[in-house]
Amino acid sequence: MIILGLTGSVGMGKSTAANMLRKMGVPVHDSDAEAHIAMAPGGPAIAALAKVFPEAYMQANDSIDRKILGPIVFKDPAKRKILEDIVHPLVIEGQQRFLKEQRRHGVGIVALDIPLL
């Protein structure tokens, strides 16, 4: 199976390229969407993030408030690294599940949309 890596900064056309590939029948895994799933209420990253960033943890719905978390991690590289160390392995697991599923279906080419490739 051929695996394409689709990457680039904000505004570079990743979403447009991913949509074009989908229209051509190429399955595309969206790493940003996978990260959002990991951080969704009750998601697999929530417990670890709540321990490290308690000020962003919303106990009422077992979630992380991204509006609180964003300024914390984007002005402190060490805290951003901690966030990435928690979320990125979960994204990679999602990518691996996607690839395994596509192989099982005999797909010949896929794309991984990974902004931080």
PDB file of N, CA and C in Angstrom:
ATOM      1  N   MET A   1       0.841  -1.179   0.000  1.00  0.00           N
ATOM      2  CA  MET A   1       0.000   0.000   0.000  1.00  0.00           C
ATOM      3  C   MET A   1       0.886   1.241   0.000  1.00  0.00           C
ATOM      4  N   ILE A   2       0.540   2.192  -0.852  1.00  0.00           N
ATOM      5  CA  ILE A   2       1.243   3.476  -0.901  1.00  0.00           C
ATOM      6  C   ILE A   2       0.610   4.394   0.138  1.00  0.00           C
ATOM      7  N   ILE A   3       1.462   5.009   0.965  1.00  0.00           N
ATOM      8  CA  ILE A   3       0.988   5.935   1.994  1.00  0.00           C
ATOM      9  C   ILE A   3       1.546   7.313   1.674  1.00  0.00           C
ATOM     10  N   LEU A   4       0.644   8.249   1.383  1.00  0.00           N
ATOM     11  CA  LEU A   4       1.036   9.634   1.122  1.00  0.00           C
ATOM     12  C   LEU A   4       0.974  10.420   2.425  1.00  0.00           C
ATOM     13  N   GLY A   5       1.950  11.277   2.644  1.00  0.00           N
ATOM     14  CA  GLY A   5       1.931  12.193   3.773  1.00  0.00           C
ATOM     15  C   GLY A   5       1.557  13.575   3.283  1.00  0.00           C
ATOM     16  N   LEU A   6       0.451  14.102   3.780  1.00  0.00           N
ATOM     17  CA  LEU A   6      -0.042  15.418   3.391  1.00  0.00           C
ATOM     18  C   LEU A   6       0.232  16.363   4.558  1.00  0.00           C
ATOM     19  N   THR A   7       1.096  17.353   4.336  1.00  0.00           N
ATOM     20  CA  THR A   7       1.483  18.234   5.428  1.00  0.00           C
ATOM     21  C   THR A   7       1.642  19.665   4.936  1.00  0.00           C
ATOM     22  N   GLY A   8       1.717  20.592   5.859  1.00  0.00           N
ATOM     23  CA  GLY A   8       1.901  21.998   5.527  1.00  0.00           C
ATOM     24  C   GLY A   8       1.343  22.882   6.625  1.00  0.00           C
ATOM     25  N   SER A   9       1.716  24.130   6.596  1.00  0.00           N
ATOM     26  CA  SER A   9       1.268  25.092   7.601  1.00  0.00           C
ATOM     27  C   SER A   9      -0.178  25.502   7.351  1.00  0.00           C
ATOM     28  N   VAL A  10      -0.699  26.293   8.262  1.00  0.00           N
ATOM     29  CA  VAL A  10      -2.059  26.829   8.140  1.00  0.00           C
ATOM     30  C   VAL A  10      -2.174  27.609   6.837  1.00  0.00           C
ATOM     31  N   GLY A  11      -3.256  27.387   6.106  1.00  0.00           N
ATOM     32  CA  GLY A  11      -3.509  28.118   4.871  1.00  0.00           C
ATOM     33  C   GLY A  11      -2.754  27.618   3.655  1.00  0.00           C
ATOM     34  N   MET A  12      -2.122  26.460   3.766  1.00  0.00           N
ATOM     35  CA  MET A  12      -1.331  25.922   2.659  1.00  0.00           C
ATOM     36  C   MET A  12      -2.145  25.053   1.701  1.00  0.00           C
ATOM     37  N   GLY A  13      -3.395  24.741   2.050  1.00  0.00           N
ATOM     38  CA  GLY A  13      -4.240  23.960   1.153  1.00  0.00           C
ATOM     39  C   GLY A  13      -4.350  22.488   1.489  1.00  0.00           C
ATOM     40  N   LYS A  14      -3.988  22.095   2.714  1.00  0.00           N
ATOM     41  CA  LYS A  14      -4.090  20.684   3.097  1.00  0.00           C
ATOM     42  C   LYS A  14      -5.521  20.170   2.972  1.00  0.00           C
ATOM     43  N   SER A  15      -6.468  20.943   3.477  1.00  0.00           N
ATOM     44  CA  SER A  15      -7.871  20.506   3.425  1.00  0.00           C
ATOM     45  C   SER A  15      -8.348  20.387   1.985  1.00  0.00           C
ATOM     46  N   THR A  16      -7.955  21.328   1.148  1.00  0.00           N
ATOM     47  CA  THR A  16      -8.335  21.273  -0.264  1.00  0.00           C
ATOM     48  C   THR A  16      -7.729  20.030  -0.918  1.00  0.00           C
ATOM     49  N   ALA A  17      -6.456  19.794  -0.667  1.00  0.00           N
ATOM     50  CA  ALA A  17      -5.789  18.620  -1.236  1.00  0.00           C
ATOM     51  C   ALA A  17      -6.420  17.329  -0.716  1.00  0.00           C
ATOM     52  N   ALA A  18      -6.730  17.296   0.593  1.00  0.00           N
ATOM     53  CA  ALA A  18      -7.353  16.102   1.172  1.00  0.00           C
ATOM     54  C   ALA A  18      -8.717  15.850   0.527  1.00  0.00           C
ATOM     55  N   ASN A  19      -9.487  16.895   0.323  1.00  0.00           N
ATOM     56  CA  ASN A  19     -10.794  16.741  -0.317  1.00  0.00           C
ATOM     57  C   ASN A  19     -10.661  16.275  -1.761  1.00  0.00           C
ATOM     58  N   MET A  20      -9.656  16.766  -2.463  1.00  0.00           N
ATOM     59  CA  MET A  20      -9.415  16.317  -3.838  1.00  0.00           C
ATOM     60  C   MET A  20      -9.079  14.819  -3.859  1.00  0.00           C
ATOM     61  N   LEU A  21      -8.231  14.406  -2.919  1.00  0.00           N
ATOM     62  CA  LEU A  21      -7.874  12.990  -2.840  1.00  0.00           C
ATOM     63  C   LEU A  21      -9.113  12.143  -2.536  1.00  0.00           C
ATOM     64  N   ARG A  22      -9.936  12.601  -1.606  1.00  0.00           N
ATOM     65  CA  ARG A  22     -11.163  11.861  -1.273  1.00  0.00           C
ATOM     66  C   ARG A  22     -12.065  11.717  -2.503  1.00  0.00           C
ATOM     67  N   LYS A  23     -12.194  12.811  -3.268  1.00  0.00           N
ATOM     68  CA  LYS A  23     -13.022  12.758  -4.480  1.00  0.00           C
ATOM     69  C   LYS A  23     -12.470  11.754  -5.489  1.00  0.00           C
ATOM     70  N   MET A  24     -11.162  11.514  -5.436  1.00  0.00           N
ATOM     71  CA  MET A  24     -10.524  10.539  -6.326  1.00  0.00           C
ATOM     72  C   MET A  24     -10.613   9.123  -5.746  1.00  0.00           C
ATOM     73  N   GLY A  25     -11.239   8.996  -4.578  1.00  0.00           N
ATOM     74  CA  GLY A  25     -11.408   7.681  -3.971  1.00  0.00           C
ATOM     75  C   GLY A  25     -10.298   7.262  -3.038  1.00  0.00           C
ATOM     76  N   VAL A  26      -9.409   8.182  -2.683  1.00  0.00           N
ATOM     77  CA  VAL A  26      -8.301   7.865  -1.782  1.00  0.00           C
ATOM     78  C   VAL A  26      -8.761   8.099  -0.338  1.00  0.00           C
ATOM     79  N   PRO A  27      -8.710   7.069   0.506  1.00  0.00           N
ATOM     80  CA  PRO A  27      -9.043   7.268   1.910  1.00  0.00           C
ATOM     81  C   PRO A  27      -8.010   8.204   2.571  1.00  0.00           C
ATOM     82  N   VAL A  28      -8.499   9.142   3.363  1.00  0.00           N
ATOM     83  CA  VAL A  28      -7.633  10.117   4.016  1.00  0.00           C
ATOM     84  C   VAL A  28      -7.886  10.084   5.520  1.00  0.00           C
ATOM     85  N   HIS A  29      -6.816   9.973   6.281  1.00  0.00           N
ATOM     86  CA  HIS A  29      -6.913  10.048   7.746  1.00  0.00           C
ATOM     87  C   HIS A  29      -6.563  11.463   8.173  1.00  0.00           C
ATOM     88  N   ASP A  30      -7.432  12.083   8.949  1.00  0.00           N
ATOM     89  CA  ASP A  30      -7.262  13.457   9.417  1.00  0.00           C
ATOM     90  C   ASP A  30      -6.702  13.449  10.838  1.00  0.00           C
ATOM     91  N   SER A  31      -5.429  13.784  10.985  1.00  0.00           N
ATOM     92  CA  SER A  31      -4.780  13.756  12.292  1.00  0.00           C
ATOM     93  C   SER A  31      -5.343  14.798  13.245  1.00  0.00           C
ATOM     94  N   ASP A  32      -5.728  15.962  12.733  1.00  0.00           N
ATOM     95  CA  ASP A  32      -6.344  16.976  13.593  1.00  0.00           C
ATOM     96  C   ASP A  32      -7.651  16.448  14.185  1.00  0.00           C
ATOM     97  N   ALA A  33      -8.451  15.798  13.366  1.00  0.00           N
ATOM     98  CA  ALA A  33      -9.710  15.227  13.856  1.00  0.00           C
ATOM     99  C   ALA A  33      -9.433  14.168  14.916  1.00  0.00           C
ATOM    100  N   GLU A  34      -8.395  13.379  14.708  1.00  0.00           N
ATOM    101  CA  GLU A  34      -8.024  12.336  15.677  1.00  0.00           C
ATOM    102  C   GLU A  34      -7.621  12.977  17.007  1.00  0.00           C
ATOM    103  N   ALA A  35      -6.887  14.084  16.953  1.00  0.00           N
ATOM    104  CA  ALA A  35      -6.492  14.797  18.178  1.00  0.00           C
ATOM    105  C   ALA A  35      -7.722  15.348  18.896  1.00  0.00           C
ATOM    106  N   HIS A  36      -8.682  15.849  18.136  1.00  0.00           N
ATOM    107  CA  HIS A  36      -9.919  16.364  18.746  1.00  0.00           C
ATOM    108  C   HIS A  36     -10.693  15.232  19.427  1.00  0.00           C
ATOM    109  N   ILE A  37     -10.706  14.059  18.816  1.00  0.00           N
ATOM    110  CA  ILE A  37     -11.366  12.903  19.431  1.00  0.00           C
ATOM    111  C   ILE A  37     -10.683  12.547  20.744  1.00  0.00           C
ATOM    112  N   ALA A  38      -9.360  12.560  20.751  1.00  0.00           N
ATOM    113  CA  ALA A  38      -8.601  12.225  21.966  1.00  0.00           C
ATOM    114  C   ALA A  38      -8.903  13.196  23.104  1.00  0.00           C
ATOM    115  N   MET A  39      -9.195  14.457  22.729  1.00  0.00           N
ATOM    116  CA  MET A  39      -9.425  15.489  23.731  1.00  0.00           C
ATOM    117  C   MET A  39     -10.909  15.797  23.936  1.00  0.00           C
ATOM    118  N   ALA A  40     -11.790  15.059  23.280  1.00  0.00           N
ATOM    119  CA  ALA A  40     -13.235  15.261  23.428  1.00  0.00           C
ATOM    120  C   ALA A  40     -13.668  14.823  24.826  1.00  0.00           C
ATOM    121  N   PRO A  41     -14.823  15.276  25.275  1.00  0.00           N
ATOM    122  CA  PRO A  41     -15.303  14.847  26.594  1.00  0.00           C
ATOM    123  C   PRO A  41     -15.234  13.330  26.754  1.00  0.00           C
ATOM    124  N   GLY A  42     -14.562  12.899  27.821  1.00  0.00           N
ATOM    125  CA  GLY A  42     -14.393  11.474  28.083  1.00  0.00           C
ATOM    126  C   GLY A  42     -13.364  10.798  27.215  1.00  0.00           C
ATOM    127  N   GLY A  43     -12.663  11.561  26.373  1.00  0.00           N
ATOM    128  CA  GLY A  43     -11.676  10.992  25.447  1.00  0.00           C
ATOM    129  C   GLY A  43     -10.465  10.402  26.157  1.00  0.00           C
ATOM    130  N   PRO A  44      -9.663   9.651  25.420  1.00  0.00           N
ATOM    131  CA  PRO A  44      -8.536   8.939  26.029  1.00  0.00           C
ATOM    132  C   PRO A  44      -7.412   9.831  26.565  1.00  0.00           C
ATOM    133  N   ALA A  45      -7.380  11.101  26.182  1.00  0.00           N
ATOM    134  CA  ALA A  45      -6.329  11.996  26.690  1.00  0.00           C
ATOM    135  C   ALA A  45      -6.769  12.775  27.922  1.00  0.00           C
ATOM    136  N   ILE A  46      -8.048  12.750  28.236  1.00  0.00           N
ATOM    137  CA  ILE A  46      -8.591  13.635  29.264  1.00  0.00           C
ATOM    138  C   ILE A  46      -7.954  13.417  30.635  1.00  0.00           C
ATOM    139  N   ALA A  47      -7.849  12.200  31.089  1.00  0.00           N
ATOM    140  CA  ALA A  47      -7.317  11.949  32.442  1.00  0.00           C
ATOM    141  C   ALA A  47      -5.896  12.490  32.589  1.00  0.00           C
ATOM    142  N   ALA A  48      -5.047  12.211  31.608  1.00  0.00           N
ATOM    143  CA  ALA A  48      -3.661  12.683  31.679  1.00  0.00           C
ATOM    144  C   ALA A  48      -3.600  14.204  31.592  1.00  0.00           C
ATOM    145  N   LEU A  49      -4.403  14.782  30.712  1.00  0.00           N
ATOM    146  CA  LEU A  49      -4.405  16.244  30.572  1.00  0.00           C
ATOM    147  C   LEU A  49      -4.939  16.921  31.831  1.00  0.00           C
ATOM    148  N   ALA A  50      -5.935  16.329  32.466  1.00  0.00           N
ATOM    149  CA  ALA A  50      -6.500  16.897  33.688  1.00  0.00           C
ATOM    150  C   ALA A  50      -5.463  16.949  34.803  1.00  0.00           C
ATOM    151  N   LYS A  51      -4.585  15.945  34.859  1.00  0.00           N
ATOM    152  CA  LYS A  51      -3.531  15.926  35.882  1.00  0.00           C
ATOM    153  C   LYS A  51      -2.499  17.019  35.649  1.00  0.00           C
ATOM    154  N   VAL A  52      -2.143  17.219  34.386  1.00  0.00           N
ATOM    155  CA  VAL A  52      -1.084  18.164  34.046  1.00  0.00           C
ATOM    156  C   VAL A  52      -1.606  19.599  33.922  1.00  0.00           C
ATOM    157  N   PHE A  53      -2.834  19.745  33.449  1.00  0.00           N
ATOM    158  CA  PHE A  53      -3.429  21.069  33.223  1.00  0.00           C
ATOM    159  C   PHE A  53      -4.769  21.167  33.958  1.00  0.00           C
ATOM    160  N   PRO A  54      -4.754  21.090  35.296  1.00  0.00           N
ATOM    161  CA  PRO A  54      -6.017  21.079  36.039  1.00  0.00           C
ATOM    162  C   PRO A  54      -6.855  22.339  35.829  1.00  0.00           C
ATOM    163  N   GLU A  55      -6.200  23.453  35.522  1.00  0.00           N
ATOM    164  CA  GLU A  55      -6.941  24.698  35.315  1.00  0.00           C
ATOM    165  C   GLU A  55      -7.805  24.654  34.055  1.00  0.00           C
ATOM    166  N   ALA A  56      -7.490  23.740  33.131  1.00  0.00           N
ATOM    167  CA  ALA A  56      -8.266  23.613  31.897  1.00  0.00           C
ATOM    168  C   ALA A  56      -9.274  22.466  31.953  1.00  0.00           C
ATOM    169  N   TYR A  57      -9.249  21.709  33.043  1.00  0.00           N
ATOM    170  CA  TYR A  57     -10.141  20.556  33.161  1.00  0.00           C
ATOM    171  C   TYR A  57     -11.525  20.998  33.616  1.00  0.00           C
ATOM    172  N   MET A  58     -12.546  20.536  32.899  1.00  0.00           N
ATOM    173  CA  MET A  58     -13.937  20.828  33.232  1.00  0.00           C
ATOM    174  C   MET A  58     -14.577  19.534  33.739  1.00  0.00           C
ATOM    175  N   GLN A  59     -14.632  19.401  35.050  1.00  0.00           N
ATOM    176  CA  GLN A  59     -15.120  18.169  35.666  1.00  0.00           C
ATOM    177  C   GLN A  59     -16.577  17.879  35.304  1.00  0.00           C
ATOM    178  N   ALA A  60     -17.376  18.914  35.136  1.00  0.00           N
ATOM    179  CA  ALA A  60     -18.807  18.732  34.869  1.00  0.00           C
ATOM    180  C   ALA A  60     -19.074  17.851  33.657  1.00  0.00           C
ATOM    181  N   ASN A  61     -18.224  17.961  32.632  1.00  0.00           N
ATOM    182  CA  ASN A  61     -18.436  17.107  31.449  1.00  0.00           C
ATOM    183  C   ASN A  61     -17.177  16.335  31.064  1.00  0.00           C
ATOM    184  N   ASP A  62     -16.254  16.190  32.022  1.00  0.00           N
ATOM    185  CA  ASP A  62     -15.023  15.411  31.817  1.00  0.00           C
ATOM    186  C   ASP A  62     -14.343  15.808  30.514  1.00  0.00           C
ATOM    187  N   SER A  63     -14.025  17.108  30.430  1.00  0.00           N
ATOM    188  CA  SER A  63     -13.419  17.617  29.199  1.00  0.00           C
ATOM    189  C   SER A  63     -12.320  18.620  29.522  1.00  0.00           C
ATOM    190  N   ILE A  64     -11.600  18.985  28.478  1.00  0.00           N
ATOM    191  CA  ILE A  64     -10.582  20.020  28.559  1.00  0.00           C
ATOM    192  C   ILE A  64     -11.106  21.230  27.804  1.00  0.00           C
ATOM    193  N   ASP A  65     -11.055  22.381  28.435  1.00  0.00           N
ATOM    194  CA  ASP A  65     -11.464  23.625  27.779  1.00  0.00           C
ATOM    195  C   ASP A  65     -10.286  24.109  26.938  1.00  0.00           C
ATOM    196  N   ARG A  66     -10.399  23.951  25.635  1.00  0.00           N
ATOM    197  CA  ARG A  66      -9.303  24.287  24.725  1.00  0.00           C
ATOM    198  C   ARG A  66      -8.995  25.787  24.734  1.00  0.00           C
ATOM    199  N   LYS A  67     -10.009  26.617  25.051  1.00  0.00           N
ATOM    200  CA  LYS A  67      -9.786  28.058  25.115  1.00  0.00           C
ATOM    201  C   LYS A  67      -8.906  28.427  26.302  1.00  0.00           C
ATOM    202  N   ILE A  68      -8.936  27.627  27.340  1.00  0.00           N
ATOM    203  CA  ILE A  68      -8.054  27.832  28.491  1.00  0.00           C
ATOM    204  C   ILE A  68      -6.697  27.191  28.216  1.00  0.00           C
ATOM    205  N   LEU A  69      -6.703  25.989  27.656  1.00  0.00           N
ATOM    206  CA  LEU A  69      -5.464  25.248  27.413  1.00  0.00           C
ATOM    207  C   LEU A  69      -4.568  25.941  26.386  1.00  0.00           C
ATOM    208  N   GLY A  70      -5.163  26.480  25.325  1.00  0.00           N
ATOM    209  CA  GLY A  70      -4.381  27.083  24.246  1.00  0.00           C
ATOM    210  C   GLY A  70      -3.350  28.101  24.708  1.00  0.00           C
ATOM    211  N   PRO A  71      -3.757  29.154  25.420  1.00  0.00           N
ATOM    212  CA  PRO A  71      -2.776  30.146  25.858  1.00  0.00           C
ATOM    213  C   PRO A  71      -1.701  29.568  26.783  1.00  0.00           C
ATOM    214  N   ILE A  72      -2.057  28.556  27.553  1.00  0.00           N
ATOM    215  CA  ILE A  72      -1.083  27.937  28.460  1.00  0.00           C
ATOM    216  C   ILE A  72       0.032  27.273  27.663  1.00  0.00           C
ATOM    217  N   VAL A  73      -0.330  26.466  26.681  1.00  0.00           N
ATOM    218  CA  VAL A  73       0.679  25.675  25.971  1.00  0.00           C
ATOM    219  C   VAL A  73       1.387  26.452  24.872  1.00  0.00           C
ATOM    220  N   PHE A  74       0.751  27.490  24.324  1.00  0.00           N
ATOM    221  CA  PHE A  74       1.394  28.202  23.224  1.00  0.00           C
ATOM    222  C   PHE A  74       2.355  29.285  23.686  1.00  0.00           C
ATOM    223  N   LYS A  75       2.323  29.622  24.975  1.00  0.00           N
ATOM    224  CA  LYS A  75       3.336  30.569  25.449  1.00  0.00           C
ATOM    225  C   LYS A  75       4.423  29.884  26.281  1.00  0.00           C
ATOM    226  N   ASP A  76       4.300  28.576  26.470  1.00  0.00           N
ATOM    227  CA  ASP A  76       5.296  27.836  27.244  1.00  0.00           C
ATOM    228  C   ASP A  76       5.674  26.564  26.480  1.00  0.00           C
ATOM    229  N   PRO A  77       6.831  26.580  25.798  1.00  0.00           N
ATOM    230  CA  PRO A  77       7.234  25.413  24.989  1.00  0.00           C
ATOM    231  C   PRO A  77       7.304  24.104  25.778  1.00  0.00           C
ATOM    232  N   ALA A  78       7.679  24.170  27.052  1.00  0.00           N
ATOM    233  CA  ALA A  78       7.754  22.948  27.856  1.00  0.00           C
ATOM    234  C   ALA A  78       6.359  22.358  28.071  1.00  0.00           C
ATOM    235  N   LYS A  79       5.381  23.211  28.302  1.00  0.00           N
ATOM    236  CA  LYS A  79       4.006  22.725  28.495  1.00  0.00           C
ATOM    237  C   LYS A  79       3.417  22.234  27.178  1.00  0.00           C
ATOM    238  N   ARG A  80       3.780  22.895  26.087  1.00  0.00           N
ATOM    239  CA  ARG A  80       3.312  22.425  24.772  1.00  0.00           C
ATOM    240  C   ARG A  80       3.862  21.029  24.492  1.00  0.00           C
ATOM    241  N   LYS A  81       5.111  20.804  24.858  1.00  0.00           N
ATOM    242  CA  LYS A  81       5.733  19.485  24.667  1.00  0.00           C
ATOM    243  C   LYS A  81       4.998  18.426  25.485  1.00  0.00           C
ATOM    244  N   ILE A  82       4.604  18.775  26.702  1.00  0.00           N
ATOM    245  CA  ILE A  82       3.848  17.840  27.538  1.00  0.00           C
ATOM    246  C   ILE A  82       2.523  17.486  26.859  1.00  0.00           C
ATOM    247  N   LEU A  83       1.827  18.495  26.353  1.00  0.00           N
ATOM    248  CA  LEU A  83       0.570  18.257  25.632  1.00  0.00           C
ATOM    249  C   LEU A  83       0.806  17.326  24.451  1.00  0.00           C
ATOM    250  N   GLU A  84       1.828  17.615  23.663  1.00  0.00           N
ATOM    251  CA  GLU A  84       2.132  16.786  22.494  1.00  0.00           C
ATOM    252  C   GLU A  84       2.499  15.359  22.893  1.00  0.00           C
ATOM    253  N   ASP A  85       3.225  15.210  24.005  1.00  0.00           N
ATOM    254  CA  ASP A  85       3.606  13.872  24.470  1.00  0.00           C
ATOM    255  C   ASP A  85       2.397  13.044  24.897  1.00  0.00           C
ATOM    256  N   ILE A  86       1.325  13.715  25.287  1.00  0.00           N
ATOM    257  CA  ILE A  86       0.095  13.014  25.670  1.00  0.00           C
ATOM    258  C   ILE A  86      -0.763  12.716  24.439  1.00  0.00           C
ATOM    259  N   VAL A  87      -0.941  13.702  23.580  1.00  0.00           N
ATOM    260  CA  VAL A  87      -1.899  13.574  22.475  1.00  0.00           C
ATOM    261  C   VAL A  87      -1.309  12.856  21.259  1.00  0.00           C
ATOM    262  N   HIS A  88      -0.066  13.138  20.905  1.00  0.00           N
ATOM    263  CA  HIS A  88       0.499  12.570  19.678  1.00  0.00           C
ATOM    264  C   HIS A  88       0.507  11.042  19.636  1.00  0.00           C
ATOM    265  N   PRO A  89       0.847  10.350  20.724  1.00  0.00           N
ATOM    266  CA  PRO A  89       0.770   8.879  20.647  1.00  0.00           C
ATOM    267  C   PRO A  89      -0.643   8.374  20.353  1.00  0.00           C
ATOM    268  N   LEU A  90      -1.649   9.083  20.848  1.00  0.00           N
ATOM    269  CA  LEU A  90      -3.034   8.687  20.574  1.00  0.00           C
ATOM    270  C   LEU A  90      -3.383   8.915  19.109  1.00  0.00           C
ATOM    271  N   VAL A  91      -2.860   9.989  18.534  1.00  0.00           N
ATOM    272  CA  VAL A  91      -3.076  10.258  17.108  1.00  0.00           C
ATOM    273  C   VAL A  91      -2.397   9.174  16.275  1.00  0.00           C
ATOM    274  N   ILE A  92      -1.195   8.811  16.649  1.00  0.00           N
ATOM    275  CA  ILE A  92      -0.465   7.760  15.929  1.00  0.00           C
ATOM    276  C   ILE A  92      -1.217   6.431  16.016  1.00  0.00           C
ATOM    277  N   GLU A  93      -1.785   6.126  17.187  1.00  0.00           N
ATOM    278  CA  GLU A  93      -2.590   4.904  17.318  1.00  0.00           C
ATOM    279  C   GLU A  93      -3.773   4.943  16.352  1.00  0.00           C
ATOM    280  N   GLY A  94      -4.411   6.098  16.238  1.00  0.00           N
ATOM    281  CA  GLY A  94      -5.527   6.240  15.309  1.00  0.00           C
ATOM    282  C   GLY A  94      -5.090   6.048  13.870  1.00  0.00           C
ATOM    283  N   GLN A  95      -3.929   6.593  13.534  1.00  0.00           N
ATOM    284  CA  GLN A  95      -3.390   6.414  12.183  1.00  0.00           C
ATOM    285  C   GLN A  95      -3.135   4.939  11.908  1.00  0.00           C
ATOM    286  N   GLN A  96      -2.570   4.247  12.887  1.00  0.00           N
ATOM    287  CA  GLN A  96      -2.261   2.830  12.712  1.00  0.00           C
ATOM    288  C   GLN A  96      -3.538   2.009  12.543  1.00  0.00           C
ATOM    289  N   ARG A  97      -4.594   2.343  13.301  1.00  0.00           N
ATOM    290  CA  ARG A  97      -5.883   1.648  13.133  1.00  0.00           C
ATOM    291  C   ARG A  97      -6.427   1.891  11.720  1.00  0.00           C
ATOM    292  N   PHE A  98      -6.332   3.134  11.271  1.00  0.00           N
ATOM    293  CA  PHE A  98      -6.786   3.487   9.921  1.00  0.00           C
ATOM    294  C   PHE A  98      -6.027   2.683   8.870  1.00  0.00           C
ATOM    295  N   LEU A  99      -4.700   2.650   8.976  1.00  0.00           N
ATOM    296  CA  LEU A  99      -3.893   1.921   8.001  1.00  0.00           C
ATOM    297  C   LEU A  99      -4.206   0.427   8.016  1.00  0.00           C
ATOM    298  N   LYS A 100      -4.367  -0.125   9.197  1.00  0.00           N
ATOM    299  CA  LYS A 100      -4.695  -1.557   9.315  1.00  0.00           C
ATOM    300  C   LYS A 100      -6.028  -1.855   8.638  1.00  0.00           C
ATOM    301  N   GLU A 101      -7.012  -0.988   8.881  1.00  0.00           N
ATOM    302  CA  GLU A 101      -8.337  -1.159   8.275  1.00  0.00           C
ATOM    303  C   GLU A 101      -8.263  -1.070   6.748  1.00  0.00           C
ATOM    304  N   GLN A 102      -7.499  -0.113   6.253  1.00  0.00           N
ATOM    305  CA  GLN A 102      -7.385   0.056   4.798  1.00  0.00           C
ATOM    306  C   GLN A 102      -6.671  -1.141   4.168  1.00  0.00           C
ATOM    307  N   ARG A 103      -5.636  -1.643   4.836  1.00  0.00           N
ATOM    308  CA  ARG A 103      -4.944  -2.840   4.334  1.00  0.00           C
ATOM    309  C   ARG A 103      -5.900  -4.022   4.287  1.00  0.00           C
ATOM    310  N   ARG A 104      -6.705  -4.163   5.347  1.00  0.00           N
ATOM    311  CA  ARG A 104      -7.658  -5.267   5.412  1.00  0.00           C
ATOM    312  C   ARG A 104      -8.646  -5.210   4.251  1.00  0.00           C
ATOM    313  N   HIS A 105      -8.954  -4.011   3.788  1.00  0.00           N
ATOM    314  CA  HIS A 105      -9.877  -3.836   2.667  1.00  0.00           C
ATOM    315  C   HIS A 105      -9.156  -3.850   1.313  1.00  0.00           C
ATOM    316  N   GLY A 106      -7.839  -4.035   1.328  1.00  0.00           N
ATOM    317  CA  GLY A 106      -7.092  -4.128   0.080  1.00  0.00           C
ATOM    318  C   GLY A 106      -6.897  -2.809  -0.649  1.00  0.00           C
ATOM    319  N   VAL A 107      -6.951  -1.712   0.083  1.00  0.00           N
ATOM    320  CA  VAL A 107      -6.779  -0.395  -0.522  1.00  0.00           C
ATOM    321  C   VAL A 107      -5.328  -0.229  -0.952  1.00  0.00           C
ATOM    322  N   GLY A 108      -5.116   0.325  -2.146  1.00  0.00           N
ATOM    323  CA  GLY A 108      -3.774   0.450  -2.692  1.00  0.00           C
ATOM    324  C   GLY A 108      -3.054   1.730  -2.358  1.00  0.00           C
ATOM    325  N   ILE A 109      -3.806   2.798  -2.044  1.00  0.00           N
ATOM    326  CA  ILE A 109      -3.192   4.082  -1.736  1.00  0.00           C
ATOM    327  C   ILE A 109      -4.063   4.813  -0.719  1.00  0.00           C
ATOM    328  N   VAL A 110      -3.406   5.408   0.273  1.00  0.00           N
ATOM    329  CA  VAL A 110      -4.090   6.210   1.307  1.00  0.00           C
ATOM    330  C   VAL A 110      -3.276   7.471   1.541  1.00  0.00           C
ATOM    331  N   ALA A 111      -3.888   8.414   2.235  1.00  0.00           N
ATOM    332  CA  ALA A 111      -3.170   9.641   2.615  1.00  0.00           C
ATOM    333  C   ALA A 111      -3.346   9.898   4.098  1.00  0.00           C
ATOM    334  N   LEU A 112      -2.285  10.349   4.710  1.00  0.00           N
ATOM    335  CA  LEU A 112      -2.327  10.768   6.108  1.00  0.00           C
ATOM    336  C   LEU A 112      -2.168  12.278   6.133  1.00  0.00           C
ATOM    337  N   ASP A 113      -3.212  12.973   6.550  1.00  0.00           N
ATOM    338  CA  ASP A 113      -3.197  14.436   6.683  1.00  0.00           C
ATOM    339  C   ASP A 113      -2.618  14.728   8.064  1.00  0.00           C
ATOM    340  N   ILE A 114      -1.341  15.160   8.071  1.00  0.00           N
ATOM    341  CA  ILE A 114      -0.606  15.329   9.335  1.00  0.00           C
ATOM    342  C   ILE A 114       0.065  16.702   9.322  1.00  0.00           C
ATOM    343  N   PRO A 115      -0.558  17.710   9.933  1.00  0.00           N
ATOM    344  CA  PRO A 115       0.045  19.053   9.921  1.00  0.00           C
ATOM    345  C   PRO A 115       1.463  19.089  10.505  1.00  0.00           C
ATOM    346  N   LEU A 116       1.749  18.239  11.488  1.00  0.00           N
ATOM    347  CA  LEU A 116       3.058  18.280  12.151  1.00  0.00           C
ATOM    348  C   LEU A 116       3.958  17.137  11.718  1.00  0.00           C
ATOM    349  N   LEU A 117       3.862  16.717  10.472  1.00  0.00           N
ATOM    350  CA  LEU A 117       4.638  15.574   9.972  1.00  0.00           C
ATOM    351  C   LEU A 117       6.119  15.757  10.174  1.00  0.00           C
TER     352      LEU A 117
END
